[in-house]
Amino acid sequence: LKLKKMHSIRKIVMNMMIRLLIVGLASMTALAFAEDQSAFAQMKQMEGSWEGMLTRSTGEVVETRSTFRLISDGNTIVETLVEDGVEMLTTYSEQDGQLKVTHYCSLGTEPEFTGSIEDGSVDLALAADTGLHAEHHNYVASMNYNFADVEGGSVVVSSTIMNGGAMSRIERLLAG
């Protein structure tokens, strides 16, 4: 009888251990998938050189190119962006699971953004505490990276610009 009880207890403990192992593995898989789907992970797809055309809201079309490099042991992306011969810099990093972006703009400002994933795109919204105001500053107000055709080698980047109190949009079609 004692042997039967020990066998029964051993079986219960073994079942519990197997269930815990399965739950643990499922949790790790879900966490790895979530990390891979972060806005920062999505932006890592941009690593390398991209060239294309930028269309301004006036209809003017100019050449653009960007180089994205992963630095700081994979913790930061640096984009060197050239639009119509004017060079700018943007940094992308992750802080507490949130994409943080700073754009060093030719308009003379350094807007900061937070990122989120929306329908295969990374949306960059102006951070709440930037101190930038449309009536006093010129700046990029938002950006959207559309990754719908990234595997096909193209990305569309749409931006909203505040310049002289007026809002305009630009769109970059990049091929990598």
N, C-alpha and C. Protein backbone atom coordinates (compact mmCIF):
# COMPACT_ATOMS: atom_id res chain seq x y z
N LEU A 1 0.82 -1.20 0.00
CA LEU A 1 0.00 0.00 0.00
C LEU A 1 0.87 1.26 0.00
N LYS A 2 1.92 1.24 0.84
CA LYS A 2 2.84 2.36 0.90
C LYS A 2 3.52 2.58 -0.45
N LEU A 3 3.90 1.52 -1.10
CA LEU A 3 4.56 1.59 -2.41
C LEU A 3 3.62 2.18 -3.45
N LYS A 4 2.34 1.82 -3.38
CA LYS A 4 1.35 2.34 -4.31
C LYS A 4 1.20 3.85 -4.15
N LYS A 5 1.16 4.31 -2.88
CA LYS A 5 1.02 5.74 -2.59
C LYS A 5 2.23 6.51 -3.13
N MET A 6 3.42 5.97 -2.92
CA MET A 6 4.63 6.63 -3.40
C MET A 6 4.63 6.71 -4.92
N HIS A 7 4.21 5.64 -5.55
CA HIS A 7 4.13 5.64 -7.01
C HIS A 7 3.12 6.68 -7.48
N SER A 8 2.01 6.77 -6.80
CA SER A 8 0.96 7.73 -7.15
C SER A 8 1.46 9.17 -6.95
N ILE A 9 2.14 9.43 -5.84
CA ILE A 9 2.69 10.76 -5.57
C ILE A 9 3.74 11.11 -6.61
N ARG A 10 4.61 10.15 -6.93
CA ARG A 10 5.65 10.37 -7.93
C ARG A 10 5.01 10.75 -9.28
N LYS A 11 3.93 10.06 -9.63
CA LYS A 11 3.23 10.33 -10.89
C LYS A 11 2.64 11.75 -10.88
N ILE A 12 2.05 12.17 -9.78
CA ILE A 12 1.47 13.52 -9.67
C ILE A 12 2.57 14.57 -9.79
N VAL A 13 3.68 14.36 -9.08
CA VAL A 13 4.80 15.31 -9.14
C VAL A 13 5.37 15.38 -10.55
N MET A 14 5.51 14.25 -11.20
CA MET A 14 6.03 14.21 -12.57
C MET A 14 5.10 14.98 -13.52
N ASN A 15 3.79 14.76 -13.39
CA ASN A 15 2.82 15.49 -14.22
C ASN A 15 2.91 16.99 -13.99
N MET A 16 3.05 17.40 -12.71
CA MET A 16 3.18 18.83 -12.40
C MET A 16 4.44 19.41 -13.02
N MET A 17 5.54 18.67 -12.93
CA MET A 17 6.79 19.15 -13.50
C MET A 17 6.69 19.30 -15.02
N ILE A 18 6.05 18.34 -15.67
CA ILE A 18 5.88 18.42 -17.13
C ILE A 18 5.01 19.62 -17.48
N ARG A 19 3.95 19.84 -16.73
CA ARG A 19 3.07 20.99 -17.00
C ARG A 19 3.81 22.31 -16.80
N LEU A 20 4.59 22.40 -15.73
CA LEU A 20 5.37 23.61 -15.50
C LEU A 20 6.38 23.84 -16.62
N LEU A 21 7.01 22.78 -17.07
CA LEU A 21 7.96 22.89 -18.18
C LEU A 21 7.27 23.40 -19.44
N ILE A 22 6.10 22.85 -19.73
CA ILE A 22 5.34 23.27 -20.93
C ILE A 22 4.94 24.73 -20.81
N VAL A 23 4.42 25.14 -19.64
CA VAL A 23 4.03 26.54 -19.43
C VAL A 23 5.25 27.45 -19.55
N GLY A 24 6.36 27.03 -18.97
CA GLY A 24 7.58 27.83 -19.05
C GLY A 24 8.06 28.01 -20.48
N LEU A 25 8.07 26.92 -21.24
CA LEU A 25 8.50 26.99 -22.64
C LEU A 25 7.55 27.86 -23.45
N ALA A 26 6.26 27.73 -23.21
CA ALA A 26 5.27 28.55 -23.94
C ALA A 26 5.47 30.02 -23.61
N SER A 27 5.75 30.33 -22.35
CA SER A 27 5.98 31.72 -21.94
C SER A 27 7.23 32.28 -22.60
N MET A 28 8.30 31.49 -22.64
CA MET A 28 9.54 31.94 -23.27
C MET A 28 9.33 32.17 -24.76
N THR A 29 8.58 31.29 -25.42
CA THR A 29 8.30 31.44 -26.84
C THR A 29 7.49 32.70 -27.09
N ALA A 30 6.48 32.93 -26.25
CA ALA A 30 5.64 34.14 -26.39
C ALA A 30 6.47 35.39 -26.17
N LEU A 31 7.38 35.37 -25.18
CA LEU A 31 8.23 36.51 -24.90
C LEU A 31 9.18 36.77 -26.07
N ALA A 32 9.78 35.74 -26.61
CA ALA A 32 10.69 35.90 -27.76
C ALA A 32 9.93 36.48 -28.94
N PHE A 33 8.70 36.00 -29.18
CA PHE A 33 7.89 36.51 -30.28
C PHE A 33 7.56 37.97 -30.04
N ALA A 34 7.19 38.33 -28.80
CA ALA A 34 6.85 39.72 -28.49
C ALA A 34 8.05 40.63 -28.70
N GLU A 35 9.25 40.16 -28.26
CA GLU A 35 10.45 40.98 -28.44
C GLU A 35 10.73 41.18 -29.92
N ASP A 36 10.57 40.13 -30.71
CA ASP A 36 10.82 40.20 -32.14
C ASP A 36 9.83 41.14 -32.83
N GLN A 37 8.66 41.34 -32.23
CA GLN A 37 7.64 42.19 -32.82
C GLN A 37 7.67 43.61 -32.27
N SER A 38 8.68 43.98 -31.46
CA SER A 38 8.76 45.33 -30.92
C SER A 38 9.04 46.32 -32.04
N ALA A 39 8.70 47.58 -31.78
CA ALA A 39 8.95 48.63 -32.78
C ALA A 39 10.44 48.73 -33.09
N PHE A 40 11.30 48.57 -32.07
CA PHE A 40 12.74 48.62 -32.31
C PHE A 40 13.18 47.47 -33.20
N ALA A 41 12.66 46.27 -32.94
CA ALA A 41 12.99 45.11 -33.78
C ALA A 41 12.54 45.35 -35.22
N GLN A 42 11.39 45.96 -35.40
CA GLN A 42 10.91 46.28 -36.74
C GLN A 42 11.86 47.26 -37.43
N MET A 43 12.34 48.26 -36.70
CA MET A 43 13.25 49.25 -37.29
C MET A 43 14.58 48.62 -37.68
N LYS A 44 14.98 47.52 -37.03
CA LYS A 44 16.23 46.86 -37.40
C LYS A 44 16.19 46.35 -38.83
N GLN A 45 15.00 46.18 -39.39
CA GLN A 45 14.88 45.76 -40.80
C GLN A 45 15.47 46.80 -41.75
N MET A 46 15.65 48.01 -41.28
CA MET A 46 16.16 49.09 -42.12
C MET A 46 17.69 49.08 -42.22
N GLU A 47 18.35 48.22 -41.45
CA GLU A 47 19.82 48.20 -41.47
C GLU A 47 20.32 48.07 -42.91
N GLY A 48 21.27 48.94 -43.25
CA GLY A 48 21.84 48.94 -44.60
C GLY A 48 21.60 50.27 -45.28
N SER A 49 21.78 50.30 -46.59
CA SER A 49 21.64 51.53 -47.38
C SER A 49 20.36 51.50 -48.20
N TRP A 50 19.70 52.64 -48.24
CA TRP A 50 18.44 52.80 -48.97
C TRP A 50 18.51 54.07 -49.80
N GLU A 51 17.98 54.02 -51.00
CA GLU A 51 17.93 55.20 -51.88
C GLU A 51 16.54 55.34 -52.45
N GLY A 52 16.20 56.56 -52.81
CA GLY A 52 14.89 56.74 -53.42
C GLY A 52 14.57 58.18 -53.70
N MET A 53 13.27 58.44 -53.73
CA MET A 53 12.77 59.78 -54.06
C MET A 53 11.89 60.27 -52.91
N LEU A 54 11.98 61.57 -52.65
CA LEU A 54 11.16 62.22 -51.65
C LEU A 54 10.20 63.15 -52.38
N THR A 55 8.93 63.03 -52.06
CA THR A 55 7.92 63.92 -52.66
C THR A 55 7.42 64.87 -51.60
N ARG A 56 7.58 66.16 -51.86
CA ARG A 56 7.10 67.18 -50.92
C ARG A 56 5.64 67.48 -51.21
N SER A 57 4.96 68.12 -50.27
CA SER A 57 3.54 68.43 -50.44
C SER A 57 3.30 69.38 -51.62
N THR A 58 4.34 70.08 -52.05
CA THR A 58 4.23 70.97 -53.21
C THR A 58 4.26 70.21 -54.53
N GLY A 59 4.60 68.92 -54.45
CA GLY A 59 4.75 68.10 -55.65
C GLY A 59 6.19 67.98 -56.09
N GLU A 60 7.07 68.79 -55.53
CA GLU A 60 8.49 68.72 -55.86
C GLU A 60 9.05 67.35 -55.45
N VAL A 61 9.87 66.76 -56.31
CA VAL A 61 10.48 65.47 -56.05
C VAL A 61 11.99 65.64 -56.03
N VAL A 62 12.64 65.13 -54.96
CA VAL A 62 14.09 65.24 -54.82
C VAL A 62 14.66 63.87 -54.44
N GLU A 63 15.96 63.71 -54.66
CA GLU A 63 16.62 62.47 -54.29
C GLU A 63 16.82 62.39 -52.79
N THR A 64 16.76 61.16 -52.27
CA THR A 64 17.02 60.93 -50.85
C THR A 64 17.76 59.61 -50.68
N ARG A 65 18.55 59.53 -49.64
CA ARG A 65 19.20 58.26 -49.31
C ARG A 65 19.41 58.21 -47.81
N SER A 66 19.39 57.00 -47.30
CA SER A 66 19.58 56.77 -45.87
C SER A 66 20.48 55.57 -45.67
N THR A 67 21.31 55.66 -44.65
CA THR A 67 22.11 54.52 -44.22
C THR A 67 21.78 54.28 -42.76
N PHE A 68 21.36 53.06 -42.45
CA PHE A 68 21.03 52.66 -41.08
C PHE A 68 22.11 51.72 -40.59
N ARG A 69 22.70 52.07 -39.44
CA ARG A 69 23.74 51.23 -38.84
C ARG A 69 23.34 50.87 -37.42
N LEU A 70 23.56 49.62 -37.05
CA LEU A 70 23.32 49.14 -35.71
C LEU A 70 24.60 49.33 -34.92
N ILE A 71 24.54 50.08 -33.79
CA ILE A 71 25.73 50.35 -32.98
C ILE A 71 25.43 50.02 -31.51
N SER A 72 26.38 50.27 -30.64
CA SER A 72 26.22 50.08 -29.20
C SER A 72 25.78 48.66 -28.86
N ASP A 73 26.47 47.70 -29.45
CA ASP A 73 26.20 46.28 -29.21
C ASP A 73 24.75 45.91 -29.53
N GLY A 74 24.21 46.55 -30.60
CA GLY A 74 22.86 46.23 -31.06
C GLY A 74 21.75 46.99 -30.35
N ASN A 75 22.11 47.97 -29.52
CA ASN A 75 21.11 48.70 -28.74
C ASN A 75 20.65 50.02 -29.34
N THR A 76 21.31 50.47 -30.40
CA THR A 76 20.96 51.74 -31.03
C THR A 76 21.13 51.62 -32.54
N ILE A 77 20.21 52.25 -33.24
CA ILE A 77 20.31 52.37 -34.70
C ILE A 77 20.59 53.84 -34.99
N VAL A 78 21.57 54.09 -35.86
CA VAL A 78 21.87 55.45 -36.30
C VAL A 78 21.55 55.53 -37.79
N GLU A 79 20.70 56.48 -38.14
CA GLU A 79 20.37 56.72 -39.54
C GLU A 79 21.04 58.02 -39.97
N THR A 80 21.82 57.94 -41.04
CA THR A 80 22.33 59.14 -41.70
C THR A 80 21.46 59.33 -42.92
N LEU A 81 20.76 60.45 -42.95
CA LEU A 81 19.75 60.74 -43.97
C LEU A 81 20.18 61.94 -44.79
N VAL A 82 20.10 61.82 -46.11
CA VAL A 82 20.41 62.95 -46.99
C VAL A 82 19.20 63.19 -47.87
N GLU A 83 18.63 64.40 -47.76
CA GLU A 83 17.50 64.80 -48.59
C GLU A 83 17.92 66.02 -49.41
N ASP A 84 17.91 65.87 -50.72
CA ASP A 84 18.26 66.97 -51.62
C ASP A 84 19.62 67.57 -51.25
N GLY A 85 20.58 66.69 -50.88
CA GLY A 85 21.93 67.13 -50.57
C GLY A 85 22.14 67.61 -49.14
N VAL A 86 21.11 67.65 -48.31
CA VAL A 86 21.22 68.11 -46.93
C VAL A 86 21.25 66.90 -46.00
N GLU A 87 22.34 66.79 -45.20
CA GLU A 87 22.50 65.64 -44.32
C GLU A 87 21.87 65.89 -42.94
N MET A 88 21.21 64.85 -42.44
CA MET A 88 20.62 64.87 -41.09
C MET A 88 20.94 63.55 -40.41
N LEU A 89 20.62 63.45 -39.12
CA LEU A 89 20.91 62.25 -38.34
C LEU A 89 19.69 61.91 -37.47
N THR A 90 19.40 60.62 -37.36
CA THR A 90 18.32 60.16 -36.48
C THR A 90 18.82 58.96 -35.70
N THR A 91 18.51 58.91 -34.40
CA THR A 91 18.87 57.76 -33.57
C THR A 91 17.60 57.05 -33.11
N TYR A 92 17.68 55.72 -33.04
CA TYR A 92 16.57 54.87 -32.61
C TYR A 92 17.10 53.95 -31.52
N SER A 93 16.44 53.91 -30.38
CA SER A 93 16.83 52.99 -29.31
C SER A 93 15.59 52.57 -28.55
N GLU A 94 15.78 51.60 -27.68
CA GLU A 94 14.65 51.09 -26.92
C GLU A 94 14.91 51.34 -25.44
N GLN A 95 13.92 51.91 -24.77
CA GLN A 95 14.03 52.17 -23.34
C GLN A 95 12.78 51.62 -22.65
N ASP A 96 12.97 50.68 -21.76
CA ASP A 96 11.84 50.04 -21.06
C ASP A 96 10.80 49.51 -22.03
N GLY A 97 11.27 48.89 -23.14
CA GLY A 97 10.36 48.30 -24.12
C GLY A 97 9.72 49.29 -25.07
N GLN A 98 10.06 50.57 -24.97
CA GLN A 98 9.46 51.61 -25.81
C GLN A 98 10.51 52.16 -26.79
N LEU A 99 10.14 52.26 -28.06
CA LEU A 99 11.04 52.85 -29.05
C LEU A 99 11.17 54.35 -28.80
N LYS A 100 12.39 54.82 -28.68
CA LYS A 100 12.70 56.24 -28.48
C LYS A 100 13.51 56.70 -29.68
N VAL A 101 13.11 57.81 -30.28
CA VAL A 101 13.76 58.31 -31.50
C VAL A 101 14.07 59.79 -31.31
N THR A 102 15.28 60.20 -31.73
CA THR A 102 15.64 61.61 -31.77
C THR A 102 16.11 61.92 -33.19
N HIS A 103 15.52 62.96 -33.79
CA HIS A 103 15.85 63.37 -35.16
C HIS A 103 16.57 64.72 -35.11
N TYR A 104 17.80 64.74 -35.60
CA TYR A 104 18.60 65.97 -35.64
C TYR A 104 18.35 66.59 -37.00
N CYS A 105 17.43 67.54 -37.03
CA CYS A 105 16.81 68.02 -38.26
C CYS A 105 17.50 69.25 -38.87
N SER A 106 17.43 69.34 -40.18
CA SER A 106 17.96 70.51 -40.88
C SER A 106 17.13 71.76 -40.59
N LEU A 107 15.95 71.60 -40.00
CA LEU A 107 15.12 72.75 -39.62
C LEU A 107 15.64 73.41 -38.34
N GLY A 108 16.68 72.81 -37.73
CA GLY A 108 17.30 73.41 -36.56
C GLY A 108 16.73 72.93 -35.24
N THR A 109 15.94 71.91 -35.26
CA THR A 109 15.37 71.37 -34.02
C THR A 109 15.76 69.90 -33.87
N GLU A 110 15.51 69.37 -32.69
CA GLU A 110 15.81 67.96 -32.40
C GLU A 110 14.57 67.30 -31.78
N PRO A 111 13.52 67.08 -32.59
CA PRO A 111 12.31 66.47 -32.02
C PRO A 111 12.56 65.04 -31.56
N GLU A 112 11.88 64.69 -30.48
CA GLU A 112 11.97 63.33 -29.94
C GLU A 112 10.61 62.66 -30.13
N PHE A 113 10.66 61.36 -30.41
CA PHE A 113 9.45 60.59 -30.71
C PHE A 113 9.40 59.32 -29.87
N THR A 114 8.20 58.80 -29.73
CA THR A 114 8.00 57.45 -29.21
C THR A 114 7.36 56.65 -30.33
N GLY A 115 7.65 55.37 -30.36
CA GLY A 115 7.18 54.54 -31.46
C GLY A 115 6.20 53.47 -31.03
N SER A 116 5.34 53.11 -31.97
CA SER A 116 4.41 52.01 -31.76
C SER A 116 4.21 51.29 -33.09
N ILE A 117 3.73 50.04 -33.00
CA ILE A 117 3.47 49.25 -34.20
C ILE A 117 1.99 49.33 -34.51
N GLU A 118 1.68 49.58 -35.76
CA GLU A 118 0.29 49.68 -36.20
C GLU A 118 0.17 49.10 -37.60
N ASP A 119 -0.50 47.97 -37.77
CA ASP A 119 -0.79 47.38 -39.08
C ASP A 119 0.43 47.28 -40.00
N GLY A 120 1.52 46.70 -39.54
CA GLY A 120 2.70 46.50 -40.37
C GLY A 120 3.54 47.76 -40.55
N SER A 121 3.27 48.77 -39.75
CA SER A 121 4.01 50.02 -39.80
C SER A 121 4.54 50.36 -38.42
N VAL A 122 5.57 51.20 -38.39
CA VAL A 122 6.02 51.79 -37.14
C VAL A 122 5.64 53.25 -37.20
N ASP A 123 4.79 53.67 -36.25
CA ASP A 123 4.36 55.06 -36.15
C ASP A 123 5.22 55.76 -35.11
N LEU A 124 5.75 56.92 -35.46
CA LEU A 124 6.53 57.73 -34.54
C LEU A 124 5.73 59.00 -34.24
N ALA A 125 5.34 59.15 -32.97
CA ALA A 125 4.58 60.32 -32.54
C ALA A 125 5.48 61.21 -31.70
N LEU A 126 5.31 62.51 -31.86
CA LEU A 126 6.10 63.48 -31.11
C LEU A 126 5.92 63.24 -29.61
N ALA A 127 7.02 63.15 -28.88
CA ALA A 127 6.94 62.96 -27.44
C ALA A 127 6.27 64.18 -26.81
N ALA A 128 5.54 63.95 -25.76
CA ALA A 128 4.72 65.00 -25.14
C ALA A 128 5.54 66.16 -24.57
N ASP A 129 6.75 65.90 -24.11
CA ASP A 129 7.53 66.92 -23.40
C ASP A 129 8.66 67.54 -24.23
N THR A 130 8.48 67.66 -25.54
CA THR A 130 9.56 68.18 -26.39
C THR A 130 9.71 69.69 -26.28
N GLY A 131 8.65 70.40 -25.91
CA GLY A 131 8.71 71.86 -25.84
C GLY A 131 8.59 72.53 -27.21
N LEU A 132 8.33 71.76 -28.25
CA LEU A 132 8.19 72.32 -29.59
C LEU A 132 6.74 72.77 -29.82
N HIS A 133 6.59 73.97 -30.39
CA HIS A 133 5.26 74.53 -30.66
C HIS A 133 5.22 75.04 -32.10
N ALA A 134 4.17 74.69 -32.82
CA ALA A 134 4.05 75.04 -34.24
C ALA A 134 4.19 76.53 -34.50
N GLU A 135 3.70 77.36 -33.58
CA GLU A 135 3.77 78.81 -33.80
C GLU A 135 5.15 79.40 -33.57
N HIS A 136 6.05 78.60 -32.93
CA HIS A 136 7.39 79.11 -32.62
C HIS A 136 8.54 78.32 -33.22
N HIS A 137 8.28 77.09 -33.64
CA HIS A 137 9.36 76.20 -34.08
C HIS A 137 9.03 75.51 -35.40
N ASN A 138 10.08 75.14 -36.12
CA ASN A 138 9.96 74.31 -37.32
C ASN A 138 10.50 72.92 -36.95
N TYR A 139 9.72 71.88 -37.24
CA TYR A 139 10.12 70.54 -36.81
C TYR A 139 9.31 69.45 -37.52
N VAL A 140 9.86 68.25 -37.47
CA VAL A 140 9.13 67.06 -37.92
C VAL A 140 8.19 66.69 -36.78
N ALA A 141 6.89 66.56 -37.08
CA ALA A 141 5.89 66.31 -36.04
C ALA A 141 5.53 64.83 -35.91
N SER A 142 5.69 64.06 -36.98
CA SER A 142 5.41 62.62 -36.92
C SER A 142 6.07 61.93 -38.10
N MET A 143 6.28 60.61 -37.96
CA MET A 143 6.81 59.80 -39.04
C MET A 143 6.11 58.44 -39.01
N ASN A 144 6.03 57.82 -40.17
CA ASN A 144 5.46 56.47 -40.28
C ASN A 144 6.31 55.67 -41.26
N TYR A 145 6.82 54.52 -40.79
CA TYR A 145 7.57 53.60 -41.63
C TYR A 145 6.64 52.47 -42.01
N ASN A 146 6.28 52.39 -43.29
CA ASN A 146 5.39 51.33 -43.77
C ASN A 146 6.25 50.19 -44.31
N PHE A 147 6.20 49.04 -43.62
CA PHE A 147 7.03 47.89 -43.95
C PHE A 147 6.30 46.85 -44.81
N ALA A 148 5.18 47.22 -45.42
CA ALA A 148 4.37 46.26 -46.18
C ALA A 148 5.18 45.52 -47.25
N ASP A 149 6.15 46.20 -47.88
CA ASP A 149 6.93 45.56 -48.94
C ASP A 149 8.43 45.52 -48.61
N VAL A 150 8.77 45.49 -47.32
CA VAL A 150 10.18 45.47 -46.93
C VAL A 150 10.89 44.23 -47.47
N GLU A 151 10.22 43.10 -47.51
CA GLU A 151 10.84 41.89 -48.06
C GLU A 151 11.06 42.00 -49.56
N GLY A 152 10.26 42.82 -50.22
CA GLY A 152 10.42 43.09 -51.64
C GLY A 152 11.47 44.17 -51.90
N GLY A 153 12.01 44.76 -50.82
CA GLY A 153 13.09 45.73 -50.96
C GLY A 153 12.67 47.18 -50.98
N SER A 154 11.43 47.50 -50.55
CA SER A 154 11.05 48.91 -50.51
C SER A 154 10.27 49.25 -49.24
N VAL A 155 10.43 50.48 -48.81
CA VAL A 155 9.78 51.00 -47.61
C VAL A 155 9.30 52.40 -47.93
N VAL A 156 8.10 52.75 -47.44
CA VAL A 156 7.57 54.10 -47.61
C VAL A 156 7.62 54.79 -46.25
N VAL A 157 8.23 55.97 -46.20
CA VAL A 157 8.32 56.76 -44.97
C VAL A 157 7.55 58.05 -45.19
N SER A 158 6.48 58.24 -44.42
CA SER A 158 5.66 59.45 -44.51
C SER A 158 5.93 60.30 -43.28
N SER A 159 6.05 61.61 -43.46
CA SER A 159 6.33 62.51 -42.34
C SER A 159 5.43 63.73 -42.42
N THR A 160 5.10 64.24 -41.23
CA THR A 160 4.38 65.51 -41.12
C THR A 160 5.37 66.53 -40.60
N ILE A 161 5.40 67.68 -41.27
CA ILE A 161 6.36 68.74 -40.95
C ILE A 161 5.59 70.00 -40.53
N MET A 162 6.06 70.65 -39.47
CA MET A 162 5.54 71.96 -39.09
C MET A 162 6.61 72.97 -39.47
N ASN A 163 6.26 73.91 -40.35
CA ASN A 163 7.23 74.88 -40.84
C ASN A 163 6.53 76.22 -41.00
N GLY A 164 6.98 77.21 -40.22
CA GLY A 164 6.36 78.53 -40.29
C GLY A 164 4.90 78.50 -39.85
N GLY A 165 4.55 77.61 -38.94
CA GLY A 165 3.18 77.50 -38.45
C GLY A 165 2.26 76.70 -39.35
N ALA A 166 2.75 76.29 -40.52
CA ALA A 166 1.93 75.52 -41.46
C ALA A 166 2.36 74.05 -41.46
N MET A 167 1.38 73.17 -41.60
CA MET A 167 1.67 71.74 -41.64
C MET A 167 1.78 71.28 -43.09
N SER A 168 2.78 70.44 -43.38
CA SER A 168 2.90 69.84 -44.71
C SER A 168 3.31 68.38 -44.53
N ARG A 169 3.20 67.62 -45.61
CA ARG A 169 3.57 66.20 -45.57
C ARG A 169 4.62 65.93 -46.63
N ILE A 170 5.52 65.02 -46.30
CA ILE A 170 6.48 64.52 -47.29
C ILE A 170 6.40 63.01 -47.27
N GLU A 171 6.80 62.42 -48.38
CA GLU A 171 6.81 60.96 -48.46
C GLU A 171 8.09 60.53 -49.15
N ARG A 172 8.80 59.59 -48.50
CA ARG A 172 10.03 59.03 -49.08
C ARG A 172 9.72 57.60 -49.51
N LEU A 173 10.00 57.28 -50.74
CA LEU A 173 9.93 55.91 -51.23
C LEU A 173 11.36 55.42 -51.35
N LEU A 174 11.73 54.45 -50.51
CA LEU A 174 13.11 53.98 -50.43
C LEU A 174 13.21 52.54 -50.93
N ALA A 175 14.30 52.28 -51.64
CA ALA A 175 14.61 50.93 -52.10
C ALA A 175 15.96 50.54 -51.52
N GLY A 176 16.03 49.32 -51.01
CA GLY A 176 17.28 48.89 -50.37
C GLY A 176 17.87 47.71 -51.07
